[in-house]
Amino acid sequence: ELHGKDPVADIRRYALEAMEALAPGLCAV
C-alpha cells in the first residue's frame, strides 16, 4: 500500500536501493 500502482516493481526498486546504500552499516538483511 506504500508503493503506488505497481507495488511489486516499486518494492523491488526501493529494496535494492536501500540494501545497496545501507550495506556498509549492516550486519545482515
PDB file of all heavy atoms in Angstrom:
ATOM      1  N   GLU A   1       0.807  -1.218   0.000  1.00  0.00           N
ATOM      2  CA  GLU A   1       0.000   0.000   0.000  1.00  0.00           C
ATOM      3  C   GLU A   1       0.838   1.266   0.000  1.00  0.00           C
ATOM      4  O   GLU A   1       0.332   2.366  -0.260  1.00  0.00           O
ATOM      5  CB  GLU A   1      -0.950   0.005   1.206  1.00  0.00           C
ATOM      6  CG  GLU A   1      -0.284   0.081   2.568  1.00  0.00           C
ATOM      7  CD  GLU A   1       0.118  -1.271   3.140  1.00  0.00           C
ATOM      8  OE1 GLU A   1       0.154  -2.264   2.382  1.00  0.00           O
ATOM      9  OE2 GLU A   1       0.399  -1.327   4.361  1.00  0.00           O
ATOM     10  N   LEU A   2       2.140   1.128   0.257  1.00  0.00           N
ATOM     11  CA  LEU A   2       3.040   2.287   0.264  1.00  0.00           C
ATOM     12  C   LEU A   2       3.780   2.454  -1.058  1.00  0.00           C
ATOM     13  O   LEU A   2       4.641   3.338  -1.164  1.00  0.00           O
ATOM     14  CB  LEU A   2       4.062   2.139   1.400  1.00  0.00           C
ATOM     15  CG  LEU A   2       3.510   2.037   2.822  1.00  0.00           C
ATOM     16  CD1 LEU A   2       4.641   1.827   3.827  1.00  0.00           C
ATOM     17  CD2 LEU A   2       2.705   3.280   3.180  1.00  0.00           C
ATOM     18  N   HIS A   3       3.439   1.640  -2.057  1.00  0.00           N
ATOM     19  CA  HIS A   3       4.268   1.600  -3.269  1.00  0.00           C
ATOM     20  C   HIS A   3       3.496   1.815  -4.566  1.00  0.00           C
ATOM     21  O   HIS A   3       3.880   1.306  -5.615  1.00  0.00           O
ATOM     22  CB  HIS A   3       5.024   0.269  -3.307  1.00  0.00           C
ATOM     23  CG  HIS A   3       6.102   0.171  -2.280  1.00  0.00           C
ATOM     24  ND1 HIS A   3       7.371   0.656  -2.464  1.00  0.00           N
ATOM     25  CD2 HIS A   3       6.076  -0.329  -1.010  1.00  0.00           C
ATOM     26  CE1 HIS A   3       8.099   0.444  -1.383  1.00  0.00           C
ATOM     27  NE2 HIS A   3       7.335  -0.147  -0.476  1.00  0.00           N
ATOM     28  N   GLY A   4       2.436   2.583  -4.535  1.00  0.00           N
ATOM     29  CA  GLY A   4       1.815   3.041  -5.756  1.00  0.00           C
ATOM     30  C   GLY A   4       1.073   1.991  -6.556  1.00  0.00           C
ATOM     31  O   GLY A   4       0.651   0.952  -6.037  1.00  0.00           O
ATOM     32  N   LYS A   5       0.927   2.262  -7.867  1.00  0.00           N
ATOM     33  CA  LYS A   5       0.080   1.446  -8.736  1.00  0.00           C
ATOM     34  C   LYS A   5       0.723   0.127  -9.141  1.00  0.00           C
ATOM     35  O   LYS A   5       0.021  -0.808  -9.537  1.00  0.00           O
ATOM     36  CB  LYS A   5      -0.293   2.241  -9.991  1.00  0.00           C
ATOM     37  CG  LYS A   5      -1.162   3.462  -9.700  1.00  0.00           C
ATOM     38  CD  LYS A   5      -1.526   4.200 -10.977  1.00  0.00           C
ATOM     39  CE  LYS A   5      -2.401   5.410 -10.684  1.00  0.00           C
ATOM     40  NZ  LYS A   5      -2.759   6.150 -11.923  1.00  0.00           N
ATOM     41  N   ASP A   6       2.036   0.054  -9.102  1.00  0.00           N
ATOM     42  CA  ASP A   6       2.747  -1.187  -9.440  1.00  0.00           C
ATOM     43  C   ASP A   6       3.627  -1.557  -8.251  1.00  0.00           C
ATOM     44  O   ASP A   6       4.846  -1.374  -8.282  1.00  0.00           O
ATOM     45  CB  ASP A   6       3.583  -0.979 -10.709  1.00  0.00           C
ATOM     46  CG  ASP A   6       4.147  -2.285 -11.259  1.00  0.00           C
ATOM     47  OD1 ASP A   6       3.950  -3.344 -10.614  1.00  0.00           O
ATOM     48  OD2 ASP A   6       4.793  -2.251 -12.322  1.00  0.00           O
ATOM     49  N   PRO A   7       3.015  -2.057  -7.184  1.00  0.00           N
ATOM     50  CA  PRO A   7       3.754  -2.190  -5.919  1.00  0.00           C
ATOM     51  C   PRO A   7       4.944  -3.132  -5.981  1.00  0.00           C
ATOM     52  O   PRO A   7       5.988  -2.842  -5.389  1.00  0.00           O
ATOM     53  CB  PRO A   7       2.692  -2.677  -4.935  1.00  0.00           C
ATOM     54  CG  PRO A   7       1.598  -3.238  -5.763  1.00  0.00           C
ATOM     55  CD  PRO A   7       1.607  -2.466  -7.035  1.00  0.00           C
ATOM     56  N   VAL A   8       4.834  -4.257  -6.678  1.00  0.00           N
ATOM     57  CA  VAL A   8       5.947  -5.207  -6.689  1.00  0.00           C
ATOM     58  C   VAL A   8       7.171  -4.587  -7.354  1.00  0.00           C
ATOM     59  O   VAL A   8       8.299  -4.700  -6.851  1.00  0.00           O
ATOM     60  CB  VAL A   8       5.536  -6.514  -7.387  1.00  0.00           C
ATOM     61  CG1 VAL A   8       6.753  -7.433  -7.573  1.00  0.00           C
ATOM     62  CG2 VAL A   8       4.472  -7.239  -6.566  1.00  0.00           C
ATOM     63  N   ALA A   9       6.965  -3.912  -8.466  1.00  0.00           N
ATOM     64  CA  ALA A   9       8.087  -3.265  -9.150  1.00  0.00           C
ATOM     65  C   ALA A   9       8.694  -2.176  -8.279  1.00  0.00           C
ATOM     66  O   ALA A   9       9.934  -2.020  -8.225  1.00  0.00           O
ATOM     67  CB  ALA A   9       7.627  -2.686 -10.484  1.00  0.00           C
ATOM     68  N   ASP A  10       7.862  -1.406  -7.576  1.00  0.00           N
ATOM     69  CA  ASP A  10       8.393  -0.320  -6.753  1.00  0.00           C
ATOM     70  C   ASP A  10       9.071  -0.863  -5.502  1.00  0.00           C
ATOM     71  O   ASP A  10      10.089  -0.314  -5.061  1.00  0.00           O
ATOM     72  CB  ASP A  10       7.278   0.642  -6.369  1.00  0.00           C
ATOM     73  CG  ASP A  10       7.824   1.976  -5.889  1.00  0.00           C
ATOM     74  OD1 ASP A  10       8.546   2.634  -6.669  1.00  0.00           O
ATOM     75  OD2 ASP A  10       7.552   2.357  -4.726  1.00  0.00           O
ATOM     76  N   ILE A  11       8.536  -1.938  -4.924  1.00  0.00           N
ATOM     77  CA  ILE A  11       9.223  -2.576  -3.789  1.00  0.00           C
ATOM     78  C   ILE A  11      10.588  -3.070  -4.230  1.00  0.00           C
ATOM     79  O   ILE A  11      11.588  -2.895  -3.509  1.00  0.00           O
ATOM     80  CB  ILE A  11       8.374  -3.743  -3.229  1.00  0.00           C
ATOM     81  CG1 ILE A  11       7.115  -3.217  -2.546  1.00  0.00           C
ATOM     82  CG2 ILE A  11       9.194  -4.574  -2.240  1.00  0.00           C
ATOM     83  CD1 ILE A  11       6.086  -4.289  -2.248  1.00  0.00           C
ATOM     84  N   ARG A  12      10.656  -3.686  -5.406  1.00  0.00           N
ATOM     85  CA  ARG A  12      11.941  -4.176  -5.922  1.00  0.00           C
ATOM     86  C   ARG A  12      12.941  -3.030  -6.032  1.00  0.00           C
ATOM     87  O   ARG A  12      14.080  -3.131  -5.550  1.00  0.00           O
ATOM     88  CB  ARG A  12      11.738  -4.829  -7.289  1.00  0.00           C
ATOM     89  CG  ARG A  12      13.048  -5.283  -7.948  1.00  0.00           C
ATOM     90  CD  ARG A  12      12.824  -5.815  -9.352  1.00  0.00           C
ATOM     91  NE  ARG A  12      12.097  -7.073  -9.339  1.00  0.00           N
ATOM     92  CZ  ARG A  12      10.839  -7.226  -9.723  1.00  0.00           C
ATOM     93  NH1 ARG A  12      10.137  -6.154 -10.153  1.00  0.00           N
ATOM     94  NH2 ARG A  12      10.262  -8.399  -9.696  1.00  0.00           N
ATOM     95  N   ARG A  13      12.520  -1.945  -6.665  1.00  0.00           N
ATOM     96  CA  ARG A  13      13.421  -0.799  -6.849  1.00  0.00           C
ATOM     97  C   ARG A  13      13.893  -0.256  -5.503  1.00  0.00           C
ATOM     98  O   ARG A  13      15.094  -0.073  -5.280  1.00  0.00           O
ATOM     99  CB  ARG A  13      12.697   0.303  -7.629  1.00  0.00           C
ATOM    100  CG  ARG A  13      13.507   1.583  -7.782  1.00  0.00           C
ATOM    101  CD  ARG A  13      12.634   2.760  -8.178  1.00  0.00           C
ATOM    102  NE  ARG A  13      11.587   3.042  -7.199  1.00  0.00           N
ATOM    103  CZ  ARG A  13      11.799   3.685  -6.049  1.00  0.00           C
ATOM    104  NH1 ARG A  13      13.025   4.097  -5.726  1.00  0.00           N
ATOM    105  NH2 ARG A  13      10.801   3.901  -5.206  1.00  0.00           N
ATOM    106  N   TYR A  14      12.956  -0.013  -4.597  1.00  0.00           N
ATOM    107  CA  TYR A  14      13.314   0.600  -3.322  1.00  0.00           C
ATOM    108  C   TYR A  14      14.164  -0.336  -2.471  1.00  0.00           C
ATOM    109  O   TYR A  14      15.152   0.099  -1.850  1.00  0.00           O
ATOM    110  CB  TYR A  14      12.047   0.994  -2.568  1.00  0.00           C
ATOM    111  CG  TYR A  14      12.320   1.609  -1.215  1.00  0.00           C
ATOM    112  CD1 TYR A  14      13.009   2.816  -1.101  1.00  0.00           C
ATOM    113  CD2 TYR A  14      11.898   0.984  -0.043  1.00  0.00           C
ATOM    114  CE1 TYR A  14      13.271   3.382   0.140  1.00  0.00           C
ATOM    115  CE2 TYR A  14      12.148   1.547   1.201  1.00  0.00           C
ATOM    116  CZ  TYR A  14      12.831   2.748   1.285  1.00  0.00           C
ATOM    117  OH  TYR A  14      13.096   3.301   2.516  1.00  0.00           O
ATOM    118  N   ALA A  15      13.820  -1.610  -2.424  1.00  0.00           N
ATOM    119  CA  ALA A  15      14.592  -2.554  -1.613  1.00  0.00           C
ATOM    120  C   ALA A  15      16.022  -2.680  -2.116  1.00  0.00           C
ATOM    121  O   ALA A  15      16.973  -2.727  -1.317  1.00  0.00           O
ATOM    122  CB  ALA A  15      13.906  -3.918  -1.600  1.00  0.00           C
ATOM    123  N   LEU A  16      16.193  -2.729  -3.429  1.00  0.00           N
ATOM    124  CA  LEU A  16      17.546  -2.811  -3.981  1.00  0.00           C
ATOM    125  C   LEU A  16      18.347  -1.560  -3.643  1.00  0.00           C
ATOM    126  O   LEU A  16      19.518  -1.633  -3.243  1.00  0.00           O
ATOM    127  CB  LEU A  16      17.488  -3.016  -5.492  1.00  0.00           C
ATOM    128  CG  LEU A  16      16.997  -4.383  -5.966  1.00  0.00           C
ATOM    129  CD1 LEU A  16      16.762  -4.379  -7.476  1.00  0.00           C
ATOM    130  CD2 LEU A  16      17.992  -5.480  -5.596  1.00  0.00           C
ATOM    131  N   GLU A  17      17.722  -0.398  -3.806  1.00  0.00           N
ATOM    132  CA  GLU A  17      18.413   0.850  -3.470  1.00  0.00           C
ATOM    133  C   GLU A  17      18.766   0.911  -1.990  1.00  0.00           C
ATOM    134  O   GLU A  17      19.871   1.327  -1.611  1.00  0.00           O
ATOM    135  CB  GLU A  17      17.538   2.044  -3.851  1.00  0.00           C
ATOM    136  CG  GLU A  17      17.385   2.256  -5.349  1.00  0.00           C
ATOM    137  CD  GLU A  17      16.467   3.424  -5.669  1.00  0.00           C
ATOM    138  OE1 GLU A  17      15.864   3.997  -4.720  1.00  0.00           O
ATOM    139  OE2 GLU A  17      16.341   3.758  -6.862  1.00  0.00           O
ATOM    140  N   ALA A  18      17.828   0.498  -1.133  1.00  0.00           N
ATOM    141  CA  ALA A  18      18.066   0.562   0.302  1.00  0.00           C
ATOM    142  C   ALA A  18      19.176  -0.396   0.723  1.00  0.00           C
ATOM    143  O   ALA A  18      20.061  -0.028   1.514  1.00  0.00           O
ATOM    144  CB  ALA A  18      16.775   0.256   1.059  1.00  0.00           C
ATOM    145  N   MET A  19      19.148  -1.629   0.212  1.00  0.00           N
ATOM    146  CA  MET A  19      20.187  -2.587   0.594  1.00  0.00           C
ATOM    147  C   MET A  19      21.567  -2.093   0.158  1.00  0.00           C
ATOM    148  O   MET A  19      22.535  -2.176   0.923  1.00  0.00           O
ATOM    149  CB  MET A  19      19.894  -3.966  -0.011  1.00  0.00           C
ATOM    150  CG  MET A  19      18.759  -4.693   0.657  1.00  0.00           C
ATOM    151  SD  MET A  19      18.670  -6.461   0.217  1.00  0.00           S
ATOM    152  CE  MET A  19      18.382  -6.369  -1.546  1.00  0.00           C
ATOM    153  N   GLU A  20      21.664  -1.592  -1.049  1.00  0.00           N
ATOM    154  CA  GLU A  20      22.963  -1.128  -1.540  1.00  0.00           C
ATOM    155  C   GLU A  20      23.469   0.061  -0.726  1.00  0.00           C
ATOM    156  O   GLU A  20      24.647   0.115  -0.347  1.00  0.00           O
ATOM    157  CB  GLU A  20      22.873  -0.752  -3.016  1.00  0.00           C
ATOM    158  CG  GLU A  20      24.211  -0.337  -3.618  1.00  0.00           C
ATOM    159  CD  GLU A  20      24.145  -0.110  -5.111  1.00  0.00           C
ATOM    160  OE1 GLU A  20      23.038   0.106  -5.654  1.00  0.00           O
ATOM    161  OE2 GLU A  20      25.213  -0.151  -5.749  1.00  0.00           O
ATOM    162  N   ALA A  21      22.583   1.017  -0.443  1.00  0.00           N
ATOM    163  CA  ALA A  21      23.002   2.219   0.269  1.00  0.00           C
ATOM    164  C   ALA A  21      23.345   1.948   1.731  1.00  0.00           C
ATOM    165  O   ALA A  21      24.292   2.524   2.281  1.00  0.00           O
ATOM    166  CB  ALA A  21      21.891   3.274   0.185  1.00  0.00           C
ATOM    167  N   LEU A  22      22.589   1.062   2.363  1.00  0.00           N
ATOM    168  CA  LEU A  22      22.765   0.817   3.798  1.00  0.00           C
ATOM    169  C   LEU A  22      23.780  -0.275   4.103  1.00  0.00           C
ATOM    170  O   LEU A  22      24.212  -0.414   5.256  1.00  0.00           O
ATOM    171  CB  LEU A  22      21.421   0.440   4.425  1.00  0.00           C
ATOM    172  CG  LEU A  22      20.287   1.471   4.337  1.00  0.00           C
ATOM    173  CD1 LEU A  22      18.985   0.876   4.867  1.00  0.00           C
ATOM    174  CD2 LEU A  22      20.639   2.732   5.105  1.00  0.00           C
ATOM    175  N   ALA A  23      24.170  -1.060   3.103  1.00  0.00           N
ATOM    176  CA  ALA A  23      25.001  -2.255   3.320  1.00  0.00           C
ATOM    177  C   ALA A  23      26.248  -2.016   4.168  1.00  0.00           C
ATOM    178  O   ALA A  23      26.549  -2.838   5.043  1.00  0.00           O
ATOM    179  CB  ALA A  23      25.375  -2.884   1.981  1.00  0.00           C
ATOM    180  N   PRO A  24      27.001  -0.938   3.975  1.00  0.00           N
ATOM    181  CA  PRO A  24      28.227  -0.785   4.772  1.00  0.00           C
ATOM    182  C   PRO A  24      27.985  -0.724   6.276  1.00  0.00           C
ATOM    183  O   PRO A  24      28.877  -1.035   7.060  1.00  0.00           O
ATOM    184  CB  PRO A  24      28.828   0.533   4.254  1.00  0.00           C
ATOM    185  CG  PRO A  24      28.282   0.676   2.877  1.00  0.00           C
ATOM    186  CD  PRO A  24      26.888   0.128   2.958  1.00  0.00           C
ATOM    187  N   GLY A  25      26.786  -0.319   6.691  1.00  0.00           N
ATOM    188  CA  GLY A  25      26.492  -0.203   8.119  1.00  0.00           C
ATOM    189  C   GLY A  25      25.578  -1.286   8.641  1.00  0.00           C
ATOM    190  O   GLY A  25      24.943  -1.104   9.685  1.00  0.00           O
ATOM    191  N   LEU A  26      25.500  -2.415   7.932  1.00  0.00           N
ATOM    192  CA  LEU A  26      24.622  -3.515   8.343  1.00  0.00           C
ATOM    193  C   LEU A  26      25.423  -4.791   8.558  1.00  0.00           C
ATOM    194  O   LEU A  26      26.443  -5.014   7.910  1.00  0.00           O
ATOM    195  CB  LEU A  26      23.571  -3.793   7.260  1.00  0.00           C
ATOM    196  CG  LEU A  26      22.589  -2.678   6.911  1.00  0.00           C
ATOM    197  CD1 LEU A  26      21.747  -3.096   5.713  1.00  0.00           C
ATOM    198  CD2 LEU A  26      21.708  -2.323   8.102  1.00  0.00           C
ATOM    199  N   CYS A  27      24.914  -5.648   9.456  1.00  0.00           N
ATOM    200  CA  CYS A  27      25.485  -6.986   9.573  1.00  0.00           C
ATOM    201  C   CYS A  27      24.703  -7.989   8.736  1.00  0.00           C
ATOM    202  O   CYS A  27      25.234  -9.035   8.353  1.00  0.00           O
ATOM    203  CB  CYS A  27      25.549  -7.447  11.028  1.00  0.00           C
ATOM    204  SG  CYS A  27      23.950  -7.609  11.835  1.00  0.00           S
ATOM    205  N   ALA A  28      23.420  -7.683   8.452  1.00  0.00           N
ATOM    206  CA  ALA A  28      22.589  -8.627   7.695  1.00  0.00           C
ATOM    207  C   ALA A  28      21.321  -7.923   7.250  1.00  0.00           C
ATOM    208  O   ALA A  28      20.989  -6.829   7.728  1.00  0.00           O
ATOM    209  CB  ALA A  28      22.236  -9.850   8.548  1.00  0.00           C
ATOM    210  N   VAL A  29      20.610  -8.570   6.329  1.00  0.00           N
ATOM    211  CA  VAL A  29      19.274  -8.137   5.949  1.00  0.00           C
ATOM    212  C   VAL A  29      18.316  -9.268   6.282  1.00  0.00           C
ATOM    213  O   VAL A  29      18.610 -10.440   6.041  1.00  0.00           O
ATOM    214  CB  VAL A  29      19.193  -7.740   4.458  1.00  0.00           C
ATOM    215  CG1 VAL A  29      19.622  -8.882   3.553  1.00  0.00           C
ATOM    216  CG2 VAL A  29      17.791  -7.264   4.082  1.00  0.00           C
TER     217      VAL A  29
END
